[in-house]
Amino acid sequence: MRALVISIVLLAALGIVHDASAQGGIPRIPKKSVPGIQDPRVDSTYYVIPPADSARMYDSIMKLRREEVKAREKIWASNAPQDGLLTLSISTSFLNRWRAPDISQYFAERANRVDPIADRDEYTPLDRYLTFGAQFHIAPTWGLFFEYDLMARYYNTDIDRDSIKGVPAGEQQLDLTMHTFLFGPEISLYRSHLLRLRVNGGIGAAYVRTYDYEAASNKSRSGSAVGLAASFDIAGDLRVLNWASFTLDLFSRSISTPPVKSGDQDLSAGFGWHTQPFTIAPRASGVVFGFAIGGVFYIP
């Protein structure tokens, strides 16, 4: 009897070993107990646990993190209006310096100042500076810009009676108005969904008008000149709305013209109390630099 029991136990043990070897020595694990990879050598209700590999897990986490960062940057870039085809801009300046040697000397002679030539090096602020521009973004990092600038400087001296010998009392006035049309490349040095730093430089045409007036004689004359203009700007755009940014612009403009003409004569011809010709036929050439503030508007 004891021998029979021992034989049954041995046969049962041999059956279990045979079953395990038939399955490739892989333990069968219930499907709901441990998730894993399905092994084709067992039926569909059993899975095999993959080997633990900390280095592989770390690499997978880092890869997912990099993909997440790239996806986020892609979303930011797609939402950044700076990547649109067209933007419009407007700016004005209250902090600038203008120098026009010929015009300054000419007006000093009109006011009969002691040393008109000394005024050639005078820097004065513009009375008006206003720009309107459009930027075409051919690529995310560069494009083309078109710009119209309106600049004005009003020279004015009110002379008291007998304060300057030979000059009648009253107002001496010279209005200088400049229109420039500029075109050139624009490069984005840095851009994000909040900030863009850009630089541009251009050349174009300048149209200048002058208006002389003397109150004592009630005489006036107008003149004009056409020349060349050049520009250079470094601007930063801070996005404040989805469709607009605030702009701070460090700018410079240069204008070069031939002598200003009034009819068939240039401005060296005598005017008002100054019946004799002036010592200079003034050109409306000059340079201006300063800071401007404004806005950029994104066209979807």
C-alpha atoms as a PDB file:
ATOM      1  CA  MET A   1       0.000   0.000   0.000  1.00  0.00           C
ATOM      2  CA  ARG A   2       2.820   2.367   0.929  1.00  0.00           C
ATOM      3  CA  ALA A   3       4.587   1.514  -2.303  1.00  0.00           C
ATOM      4  CA  LEU A   4       1.433   2.389  -4.279  1.00  0.00           C
ATOM      5  CA  VAL A   5       1.137   5.844  -2.652  1.00  0.00           C
ATOM      6  CA  ILE A   6       4.795   6.590  -3.345  1.00  0.00           C
ATOM      7  CA  SER A   7       4.370   5.573  -6.994  1.00  0.00           C
ATOM      8  CA  ILE A   8       1.343   7.899  -7.411  1.00  0.00           C
ATOM      9  CA  VAL A   9       3.255  10.875  -5.895  1.00  0.00           C
ATOM     10  CA  LEU A  10       6.250  10.274  -8.188  1.00  0.00           C
ATOM     11  CA  LEU A  11       4.049  10.053 -11.240  1.00  0.00           C
ATOM     12  CA  ALA A  12       2.313  13.330 -10.277  1.00  0.00           C
ATOM     13  CA  ALA A  13       5.696  15.057  -9.816  1.00  0.00           C
ATOM     14  CA  LEU A  14       6.903  13.797 -13.186  1.00  0.00           C
ATOM     15  CA  GLY A  15       3.737  15.169 -14.805  1.00  0.00           C
ATOM     16  CA  ILE A  16       4.282  18.676 -13.387  1.00  0.00           C
ATOM     17  CA  VAL A  17       7.909  18.727 -14.577  1.00  0.00           C
ATOM     18  CA  HIS A  18       6.848  17.539 -18.016  1.00  0.00           C
ATOM     19  CA  ASP A  19       4.181  20.268 -18.207  1.00  0.00           C
ATOM     20  CA  ALA A  20       6.710  22.978 -17.263  1.00  0.00           C
ATOM     21  CA  SER A  21       9.253  21.751 -19.794  1.00  0.00           C
ATOM     22  CA  ALA A  22       6.578  21.689 -22.476  1.00  0.00           C
ATOM     23  CA  GLN A  23       5.883  25.314 -21.795  1.00  0.00           C
ATOM     24  CA  GLY A  24       9.552  26.315 -22.129  1.00  0.00           C
ATOM     25  CA  GLY A  25      10.101  26.630 -18.401  1.00  0.00           C
ATOM     26  CA  ILE A  26       8.066  29.863 -18.248  1.00  0.00           C
ATOM     27  CA  PRO A  27       5.641  30.248 -15.365  1.00  0.00           C
ATOM     28  CA  ARG A  28       2.069  30.963 -16.308  1.00  0.00           C
ATOM     29  CA  ILE A  29       0.622  34.083 -14.679  1.00  0.00           C
ATOM     30  CA  PRO A  30      -3.041  35.039 -14.674  1.00  0.00           C
ATOM     31  CA  LYS A  31      -3.832  37.877 -17.063  1.00  0.00           C
ATOM     32  CA  LYS A  32      -5.496  40.099 -14.471  1.00  0.00           C
ATOM     33  CA  SER A  33      -2.818  39.734 -11.821  1.00  0.00           C
ATOM     34  CA  VAL A  34       0.248  41.266 -13.486  1.00  0.00           C
ATOM     35  CA  PRO A  35       0.296  43.275 -16.740  1.00  0.00           C
ATOM     36  CA  GLY A  36       2.987  42.328 -19.199  1.00  0.00           C
ATOM     37  CA  ILE A  37       3.752  41.194 -22.724  1.00  0.00           C
ATOM     38  CA  GLN A  38       1.784  38.377 -24.224  1.00  0.00           C
ATOM     39  CA  ASP A  39       3.876  35.325 -24.993  1.00  0.00           C
ATOM     40  CA  PRO A  40       2.781  33.455 -28.126  1.00  0.00           C
ATOM     41  CA  ARG A  41       3.893  30.163 -26.572  1.00  0.00           C
ATOM     42  CA  VAL A  42       1.031  30.222 -24.092  1.00  0.00           C
ATOM     43  CA  ASP A  43      -2.657  30.752 -24.546  1.00  0.00           C
ATOM     44  CA  SER A  44      -4.126  34.286 -24.580  1.00  0.00           C
ATOM     45  CA  THR A  45      -5.095  34.235 -20.921  1.00  0.00           C
ATOM     46  CA  TYR A  46      -1.469  34.354 -19.739  1.00  0.00           C
ATOM     47  CA  TYR A  47       1.218  37.034 -19.994  1.00  0.00           C
ATOM     48  CA  VAL A  48       4.972  37.117 -19.398  1.00  0.00           C
ATOM     49  CA  ILE A  49       6.524  39.794 -17.181  1.00  0.00           C
ATOM     50  CA  PRO A  50       9.309  41.657 -19.074  1.00  0.00           C
ATOM     51  CA  PRO A  51      12.725  41.789 -17.427  1.00  0.00           C
ATOM     52  CA  ALA A  52      13.357  44.792 -15.189  1.00  0.00           C
ATOM     53  CA  ASP A  53      15.840  47.237 -16.764  1.00  0.00           C
ATOM     54  CA  SER A  54      16.321  50.561 -14.903  1.00  0.00           C
ATOM     55  CA  ALA A  55      18.571  52.072 -17.597  1.00  0.00           C
ATOM     56  CA  ARG A  56      15.978  51.382 -20.278  1.00  0.00           C
ATOM     57  CA  MET A  57      13.240  52.874 -18.132  1.00  0.00           C
ATOM     58  CA  TYR A  58      15.346  56.020 -17.524  1.00  0.00           C
ATOM     59  CA  ASP A  59      16.021  56.409 -21.254  1.00  0.00           C
ATOM     60  CA  SER A  60      12.345  56.055 -22.012  1.00  0.00           C
ATOM     61  CA  ILE A  61      11.415  58.717 -19.456  1.00  0.00           C
ATOM     62  CA  MET A  62      14.010  61.136 -20.852  1.00  0.00           C
ATOM     63  CA  LYS A  63      12.825  60.507 -24.391  1.00  0.00           C
ATOM     64  CA  LEU A  64       9.237  61.217 -23.409  1.00  0.00           C
ATOM     65  CA  ARG A  65      10.354  64.400 -21.644  1.00  0.00           C
ATOM     66  CA  ARG A  66      12.233  65.625 -24.712  1.00  0.00           C
ATOM     67  CA  GLU A  67       9.255  64.906 -26.921  1.00  0.00           C
ATOM     68  CA  GLU A  68       7.001  66.792 -24.504  1.00  0.00           C
ATOM     69  CA  VAL A  69       9.293  69.857 -24.543  1.00  0.00           C
ATOM     70  CA  LYS A  70       9.485  69.809 -28.345  1.00  0.00           C
ATOM     71  CA  ALA A  71       5.720  69.525 -28.601  1.00  0.00           C
ATOM     72  CA  ARG A  72       5.270  72.453 -26.226  1.00  0.00           C
ATOM     73  CA  GLU A  73       7.742  74.592 -28.176  1.00  0.00           C
ATOM     74  CA  LYS A  74       5.956  73.702 -31.387  1.00  0.00           C
ATOM     75  CA  ILE A  75       2.640  74.812 -29.893  1.00  0.00           C
ATOM     76  CA  TRP A  76       4.170  78.100 -28.697  1.00  0.00           C
ATOM     77  CA  ALA A  77       5.717  78.703 -32.097  1.00  0.00           C
ATOM     78  CA  SER A  78       2.458  77.989 -33.868  1.00  0.00           C
ATOM     79  CA  ASN A  79       0.626  80.375 -31.547  1.00  0.00           C
ATOM     80  CA  ALA A  80       3.226  83.130 -31.882  1.00  0.00           C
ATOM     81  CA  PRO A  81       1.789  85.823 -34.164  1.00  0.00           C
ATOM     82  CA  GLN A  82       5.347  86.850 -35.097  1.00  0.00           C
ATOM     83  CA  ASP A  83       5.335  83.912 -37.487  1.00  0.00           C
ATOM     84  CA  GLY A  84       2.461  85.389 -39.477  1.00  0.00           C
ATOM     85  CA  LEU A  85       2.989  86.677 -42.983  1.00  0.00           C
ATOM     86  CA  LEU A  86       2.198  90.346 -42.334  1.00  0.00           C
ATOM     87  CA  THR A  87       2.510  92.787 -39.440  1.00  0.00           C
ATOM     88  CA  LEU A  88       1.719  96.500 -39.292  1.00  0.00           C
ATOM     89  CA  SER A  89       3.501  98.981 -37.032  1.00  0.00           C
ATOM     90  CA  ILE A  90       3.229 102.560 -35.829  1.00  0.00           C
ATOM     91  CA  SER A  91       5.606 104.505 -33.599  1.00  0.00           C
ATOM     92  CA  THR A  92       6.451 107.972 -32.365  1.00  0.00           C
ATOM     93  CA  SER A  93       9.410 109.556 -30.608  1.00  0.00           C
ATOM     94  CA  PHE A  94       9.748 112.193 -27.909  1.00  0.00           C
ATOM     95  CA  LEU A  95      13.392 111.463 -27.136  1.00  0.00           C
ATOM     96  CA  ASN A  96      15.652 112.183 -30.101  1.00  0.00           C
ATOM     97  CA  ARG A  97      18.346 114.487 -31.460  1.00  0.00           C
ATOM     98  CA  TRP A  98      18.393 116.116 -34.903  1.00  0.00           C
ATOM     99  CA  ARG A  99      21.315 117.773 -36.644  1.00  0.00           C
ATOM    100  CA  ALA A 100      21.031 119.636 -39.975  1.00  0.00           C
ATOM    101  CA  PRO A 101      24.172 121.779 -40.478  1.00  0.00           C
ATOM    102  CA  ASP A 102      23.080 123.799 -43.531  1.00  0.00           C
ATOM    103  CA  ILE A 103      19.563 124.516 -42.309  1.00  0.00           C
ATOM    104  CA  SER A 104      20.831 125.567 -38.869  1.00  0.00           C
ATOM    105  CA  GLN A 105      23.380 127.965 -40.367  1.00  0.00           C
ATOM    106  CA  TYR A 106      20.820 129.391 -42.797  1.00  0.00           C
ATOM    107  CA  PHE A 107      18.305 130.129 -40.054  1.00  0.00           C
ATOM    108  CA  ALA A 108      21.036 131.661 -37.857  1.00  0.00           C
ATOM    109  CA  GLU A 109      21.838 134.073 -40.691  1.00  0.00           C
ATOM    110  CA  ARG A 110      18.183 134.979 -41.011  1.00  0.00           C
ATOM    111  CA  ALA A 111      18.162 135.887 -37.303  1.00  0.00           C
ATOM    112  CA  ASN A 112      21.491 137.748 -37.740  1.00  0.00           C
ATOM    113  CA  ARG A 113      23.257 135.790 -35.028  1.00  0.00           C
ATOM    114  CA  VAL A 114      26.863 136.627 -34.236  1.00  0.00           C
ATOM    115  CA  ASP A 115      28.368 133.311 -35.349  1.00  0.00           C
ATOM    116  CA  PRO A 116      25.977 131.419 -37.657  1.00  0.00           C
ATOM    117  CA  ILE A 117      28.606 128.790 -38.482  1.00  0.00           C
ATOM    118  CA  ALA A 118      28.684 127.695 -34.842  1.00  0.00           C
ATOM    119  CA  ASP A 119      25.055 126.585 -35.166  1.00  0.00           C
ATOM    120  CA  ARG A 120      26.047 123.909 -37.677  1.00  0.00           C
ATOM    121  CA  ASP A 121      26.972 121.543 -34.849  1.00  0.00           C
ATOM    122  CA  GLU A 122      23.775 122.122 -32.902  1.00  0.00           C
ATOM    123  CA  TYR A 123      21.643 119.101 -31.938  1.00  0.00           C
ATOM    124  CA  THR A 124      17.983 119.809 -31.276  1.00  0.00           C
ATOM    125  CA  PRO A 125      14.926 117.560 -30.804  1.00  0.00           C
ATOM    126  CA  LEU A 126      12.477 117.033 -33.609  1.00  0.00           C
ATOM    127  CA  ASP A 127       9.033 118.527 -33.076  1.00  0.00           C
ATOM    128  CA  ARG A 128       7.361 115.639 -34.822  1.00  0.00           C
ATOM    129  CA  TYR A 129       8.387 112.053 -35.529  1.00  0.00           C
ATOM    130  CA  LEU A 130       5.838 109.501 -36.693  1.00  0.00           C
ATOM    131  CA  THR A 131       6.327 106.238 -38.595  1.00  0.00           C
ATOM    132  CA  PHE A 132       4.004 103.768 -40.287  1.00  0.00           C
ATOM    133  CA  GLY A 133       5.383 100.437 -41.410  1.00  0.00           C
ATOM    134  CA  ALA A 134       4.571  96.983 -42.766  1.00  0.00           C
ATOM    135  CA  GLN A 135       6.704  93.870 -42.354  1.00  0.00           C
ATOM    136  CA  PHE A 136       6.461  90.797 -44.571  1.00  0.00           C
ATOM    137  CA  HIS A 137       7.831  87.676 -42.850  1.00  0.00           C
ATOM    138  CA  ILE A 138       9.163  85.540 -45.662  1.00  0.00           C
ATOM    139  CA  ALA A 139      10.727  83.128 -43.141  1.00  0.00           C
ATOM    140  CA  PRO A 140      10.547  82.857 -39.328  1.00  0.00           C
ATOM    141  CA  THR A 141      13.918  84.604 -38.940  1.00  0.00           C
ATOM    142  CA  TRP A 142      13.879  87.216 -41.710  1.00  0.00           C
ATOM    143  CA  GLY A 143      11.694  89.272 -43.984  1.00  0.00           C
ATOM    144  CA  LEU A 144      11.245  92.639 -45.675  1.00  0.00           C
ATOM    145  CA  PHE A 145       9.916  95.930 -44.343  1.00  0.00           C
ATOM    146  CA  PHE A 146       8.363  99.020 -45.898  1.00  0.00           C
ATOM    147  CA  GLU A 147       8.094 102.242 -43.923  1.00  0.00           C
ATOM    148  CA  TYR A 148       6.885 105.817 -44.215  1.00  0.00           C
ATOM    149  CA  ASP A 149       8.338 108.419 -41.839  1.00  0.00           C
ATOM    150  CA  LEU A 150       7.021 111.900 -41.128  1.00  0.00           C
ATOM    151  CA  MET A 151       9.526 114.191 -39.405  1.00  0.00           C
ATOM    152  CA  ALA A 152       9.346 117.908 -38.737  1.00  0.00           C
ATOM    153  CA  ARG A 153      11.497 120.593 -37.128  1.00  0.00           C
ATOM    154  CA  TYR A 154      10.092 124.078 -36.519  1.00  0.00           C
ATOM    155  CA  TYR A 155      12.757 126.764 -36.144  1.00  0.00           C
ATOM    156  CA  ASN A 156      11.380 129.884 -34.499  1.00  0.00           C
ATOM    157  CA  THR A 157      12.874 133.056 -33.065  1.00  0.00           C
ATOM    158  CA  ASP A 158      10.852 135.947 -31.638  1.00  0.00           C
ATOM    159  CA  ILE A 159      12.987 139.085 -31.858  1.00  0.00           C
ATOM    160  CA  ASP A 160      12.289 141.972 -29.482  1.00  0.00           C
ATOM    161  CA  ARG A 161      12.467 145.549 -30.718  1.00  0.00           C
ATOM    162  CA  ASP A 162      16.073 146.756 -31.131  1.00  0.00           C
ATOM    163  CA  SER A 163      17.440 143.554 -29.548  1.00  0.00           C
ATOM    164  CA  ILE A 164      19.365 142.615 -32.708  1.00  0.00           C
ATOM    165  CA  LYS A 165      20.726 145.395 -34.851  1.00  0.00           C
ATOM    166  CA  GLY A 166      19.302 145.499 -38.342  1.00  0.00           C
ATOM    167  CA  VAL A 167      16.654 142.824 -37.685  1.00  0.00           C
ATOM    168  CA  PRO A 168      13.055 144.031 -37.380  1.00  0.00           C
ATOM    169  CA  ALA A 169      11.101 143.033 -34.308  1.00  0.00           C
ATOM    170  CA  GLY A 170       8.813 140.091 -34.713  1.00  0.00           C
ATOM    171  CA  GLU A 171       8.875 136.430 -35.490  1.00  0.00           C
ATOM    172  CA  GLN A 172      11.370 134.698 -37.755  1.00  0.00           C
ATOM    173  CA  GLN A 173      10.113 131.257 -38.694  1.00  0.00           C
ATOM    174  CA  LEU A 174      11.353 128.274 -40.700  1.00  0.00           C
ATOM    175  CA  ASP A 175       9.322 125.080 -40.914  1.00  0.00           C
ATOM    176  CA  LEU A 176      11.139 121.964 -42.146  1.00  0.00           C
ATOM    177  CA  THR A 177       8.972 118.944 -43.002  1.00  0.00           C
ATOM    178  CA  MET A 178      10.491 115.645 -44.175  1.00  0.00           C
ATOM    179  CA  HIS A 179       8.825 112.618 -45.732  1.00  0.00           C
ATOM    180  CA  THR A 180      10.834 109.425 -46.195  1.00  0.00           C
ATOM    181  CA  PHE A 181       9.894 106.137 -47.869  1.00  0.00           C
ATOM    182  CA  LEU A 182      12.128 103.234 -46.847  1.00  0.00           C
ATOM    183  CA  PHE A 183      12.580  99.621 -47.866  1.00  0.00           C
ATOM    184  CA  GLY A 184      14.983  96.888 -46.761  1.00  0.00           C
ATOM    185  CA  PRO A 185      15.593  93.560 -44.992  1.00  0.00           C
ATOM    186  CA  GLU A 186      14.605  92.730 -41.420  1.00  0.00           C
ATOM    187  CA  ILE A 187      16.199  90.002 -39.288  1.00  0.00           C
ATOM    188  CA  SER A 188      14.824  88.455 -36.086  1.00  0.00           C
ATOM    189  CA  LEU A 189      17.682  88.038 -33.608  1.00  0.00           C
ATOM    190  CA  TYR A 190      15.479  86.391 -30.972  1.00  0.00           C
ATOM    191  CA  ARG A 191      11.857  85.349 -30.894  1.00  0.00           C
ATOM    192  CA  SER A 192       9.484  83.617 -28.529  1.00  0.00           C
ATOM    193  CA  HIS A 193       5.775  83.684 -27.771  1.00  0.00           C
ATOM    194  CA  LEU A 194       6.315  86.792 -25.582  1.00  0.00           C
ATOM    195  CA  LEU A 195       9.297  88.676 -26.989  1.00  0.00           C
ATOM    196  CA  ARG A 196      10.898  89.350 -30.331  1.00  0.00           C
ATOM    197  CA  LEU A 197      14.155  91.224 -30.929  1.00  0.00           C
ATOM    198  CA  ARG A 198      14.628  92.426 -34.490  1.00  0.00           C
ATOM    199  CA  VAL A 199      16.986  94.606 -36.500  1.00  0.00           C
ATOM    200  CA  ASN A 200      16.437  96.239 -39.873  1.00  0.00           C
ATOM    201  CA  GLY A 201      18.137  98.636 -42.216  1.00  0.00           C
ATOM    202  CA  GLY A 202      16.891 100.254 -45.372  1.00  0.00           C
ATOM    203  CA  ILE A 203      17.285 102.895 -48.018  1.00  0.00           C
ATOM    204  CA  GLY A 204      14.760 104.933 -49.904  1.00  0.00           C
ATOM    205  CA  ALA A 205      13.632 108.360 -51.035  1.00  0.00           C
ATOM    206  CA  ALA A 206      13.183 111.613 -49.126  1.00  0.00           C
ATOM    207  CA  TYR A 207      10.945 114.554 -49.975  1.00  0.00           C
ATOM    208  CA  VAL A 208      11.551 117.753 -48.006  1.00  0.00           C
ATOM    209  CA  ARG A 209       9.546 120.970 -47.841  1.00  0.00           C
ATOM    210  CA  THR A 210      10.478 124.282 -46.217  1.00  0.00           C
ATOM    211  CA  TYR A 211       8.379 127.298 -45.307  1.00  0.00           C
ATOM    212  CA  ASP A 212       9.975 130.657 -44.485  1.00  0.00           C
ATOM    213  CA  TYR A 213       8.009 133.424 -42.784  1.00  0.00           C
ATOM    214  CA  GLU A 214       8.940 136.876 -41.480  1.00  0.00           C
ATOM    215  CA  ALA A 215       6.297 138.626 -39.395  1.00  0.00           C
ATOM    216  CA  ALA A 216       7.642 142.187 -39.769  1.00  0.00           C
ATOM    217  CA  SER A 217       7.409 142.214 -43.559  1.00  0.00           C
ATOM    218  CA  ASN A 218       4.673 139.572 -43.739  1.00  0.00           C
ATOM    219  CA  LYS A 219       6.698 137.769 -46.357  1.00  0.00           C
ATOM    220  CA  SER A 220       6.851 134.028 -46.907  1.00  0.00           C
ATOM    221  CA  ARG A 221       8.274 131.543 -49.351  1.00  0.00           C
ATOM    222  CA  SER A 222       8.201 127.788 -49.792  1.00  0.00           C
ATOM    223  CA  GLY A 223      10.887 125.443 -51.020  1.00  0.00           C
ATOM    224  CA  SER A 224      11.355 121.753 -51.675  1.00  0.00           C
ATOM    225  CA  ALA A 225      13.987 119.137 -52.430  1.00  0.00           C
ATOM    226  CA  VAL A 226      14.101 115.449 -53.275  1.00  0.00           C
ATOM    227  CA  GLY A 227      16.914 113.224 -52.064  1.00  0.00           C
ATOM    228  CA  LEU A 228      17.882 109.931 -50.487  1.00  0.00           C
ATOM    229  CA  ALA A 229      17.177 108.469 -47.051  1.00  0.00           C
ATOM    230  CA  ALA A 230      18.664 105.626 -45.017  1.00  0.00           C
ATOM    231  CA  SER A 231      17.607 103.969 -41.764  1.00  0.00           C
ATOM    232  CA  PHE A 232      18.770 101.548 -39.098  1.00  0.00           C
ATOM    233  CA  ASP A 233      16.637 100.203 -36.232  1.00  0.00           C
ATOM    234  CA  ILE A 234      16.983  97.816 -33.315  1.00  0.00           C
ATOM    235  CA  ALA A 235      13.539  97.070 -31.909  1.00  0.00           C
ATOM    236  CA  GLY A 236      12.044  94.869 -29.216  1.00  0.00           C
ATOM    237  CA  ASP A 237       8.398  93.738 -29.399  1.00  0.00           C
ATOM    238  CA  LEU A 238       6.724  92.710 -26.133  1.00  0.00           C
ATOM    239  CA  ARG A 239       3.513  90.819 -26.758  1.00  0.00           C
ATOM    240  CA  VAL A 240       0.670  92.273 -24.700  1.00  0.00           C
ATOM    241  CA  LEU A 241      -2.292  90.871 -26.637  1.00  0.00           C
ATOM    242  CA  ASN A 242      -2.782  87.954 -28.961  1.00  0.00           C
ATOM    243  CA  TRP A 243      -2.863  90.387 -31.878  1.00  0.00           C
ATOM    244  CA  ALA A 244      -0.559  93.204 -30.712  1.00  0.00           C
ATOM    245  CA  SER A 245       2.807  93.963 -29.122  1.00  0.00           C
ATOM    246  CA  PHE A 246       4.340  97.004 -27.456  1.00  0.00           C
ATOM    247  CA  THR A 247       7.493  98.195 -29.251  1.00  0.00           C
ATOM    248  CA  LEU A 248      10.607  99.999 -28.035  1.00  0.00           C
ATOM    249  CA  ASP A 249      12.785 101.128 -30.941  1.00  0.00           C
ATOM    250  CA  LEU A 250      16.339 102.489 -31.038  1.00  0.00           C
ATOM    251  CA  PHE A 251      16.426 104.242 -34.402  1.00  0.00           C
ATOM    252  CA  SER A 252      18.543 106.398 -36.688  1.00  0.00           C
ATOM    253  CA  ARG A 253      17.680 108.198 -39.903  1.00  0.00           C
ATOM    254  CA  SER A 254      19.858 109.957 -42.429  1.00  0.00           C
ATOM    255  CA  ILE A 255      18.672 112.317 -45.180  1.00  0.00           C
ATOM    256  CA  SER A 256      20.713 113.761 -48.031  1.00  0.00           C
ATOM    257  CA  THR A 257      19.339 116.286 -50.533  1.00  0.00           C
ATOM    258  CA  PRO A 258      20.586 118.842 -53.039  1.00  0.00           C
ATOM    259  CA  PRO A 259      20.066 122.558 -52.241  1.00  0.00           C
ATOM    260  CA  VAL A 260      16.446 123.397 -51.480  1.00  0.00           C
ATOM    261  CA  LYS A 261      14.752 125.228 -54.337  1.00  0.00           C
ATOM    262  CA  SER A 262      12.087 127.905 -54.140  1.00  0.00           C
ATOM    263  CA  GLY A 263      10.841 128.265 -57.684  1.00  0.00           C
ATOM    264  CA  ASP A 264      13.845 128.790 -59.942  1.00  0.00           C
ATOM    265  CA  GLN A 265      16.077 129.948 -57.060  1.00  0.00           C
ATOM    266  CA  ASP A 266      17.596 128.236 -54.092  1.00  0.00           C
ATOM    267  CA  LEU A 267      17.274 129.553 -50.545  1.00  0.00           C
ATOM    268  CA  SER A 268      20.501 131.524 -50.787  1.00  0.00           C
ATOM    269  CA  ALA A 269      18.504 134.332 -52.442  1.00  0.00           C
ATOM    270  CA  GLY A 270      17.724 137.244 -50.111  1.00  0.00           C
ATOM    271  CA  PHE A 271      14.542 137.073 -48.063  1.00  0.00           C
ATOM    272  CA  GLY A 272      12.718 139.610 -45.908  1.00  0.00           C
ATOM    273  CA  TRP A 273      14.967 142.116 -44.158  1.00  0.00           C
ATOM    274  CA  HIS A 274      18.013 140.180 -45.455  1.00  0.00           C
ATOM    275  CA  THR A 275      18.016 141.602 -48.974  1.00  0.00           C
ATOM    276  CA  GLN A 276      21.542 140.407 -49.710  1.00  0.00           C
ATOM    277  CA  PRO A 277      22.142 136.731 -50.645  1.00  0.00           C
ATOM    278  CA  PHE A 278      22.881 134.369 -47.815  1.00  0.00           C
ATOM    279  CA  THR A 279      26.337 132.844 -47.574  1.00  0.00           C
ATOM    280  CA  ILE A 280      24.968 129.333 -48.018  1.00  0.00           C
ATOM    281  CA  ALA A 281      22.526 127.583 -50.325  1.00  0.00           C
ATOM    282  CA  PRO A 282      21.164 125.194 -47.694  1.00  0.00           C
ATOM    283  CA  ARG A 283      20.613 121.534 -48.278  1.00  0.00           C
ATOM    284  CA  ALA A 284      18.005 119.734 -46.183  1.00  0.00           C
ATOM    285  CA  SER A 285      20.539 117.058 -45.248  1.00  0.00           C
ATOM    286  CA  GLY A 286      20.646 115.828 -41.669  1.00  0.00           C
ATOM    287  CA  VAL A 287      20.706 112.926 -39.240  1.00  0.00           C
ATOM    288  CA  VAL A 288      18.461 111.996 -36.342  1.00  0.00           C
ATOM    289  CA  PHE A 289      18.701 109.266 -33.708  1.00  0.00           C
ATOM    290  CA  GLY A 290      16.765 108.412 -30.579  1.00  0.00           C
ATOM    291  CA  PHE A 291      14.178 106.150 -28.965  1.00  0.00           C
ATOM    292  CA  ALA A 292      10.660 105.563 -30.236  1.00  0.00           C
ATOM    293  CA  ILE A 293       7.679 103.759 -28.742  1.00  0.00           C
ATOM    294  CA  GLY A 294       4.736 102.249 -30.549  1.00  0.00           C
ATOM    295  CA  GLY A 295       2.836  99.130 -31.395  1.00  0.00           C
ATOM    296  CA  VAL A 296       2.945  96.146 -33.736  1.00  0.00           C
ATOM    297  CA  PHE A 297      -0.278  94.591 -34.975  1.00  0.00           C
ATOM    298  CA  TYR A 298      -0.435  91.040 -36.346  1.00  0.00           C
ATOM    299  CA  ILE A 299      -2.553  90.236 -39.353  1.00  0.00           C
ATOM    300  CA  PRO A 300      -3.821  86.612 -39.259  1.00  0.00           C
END
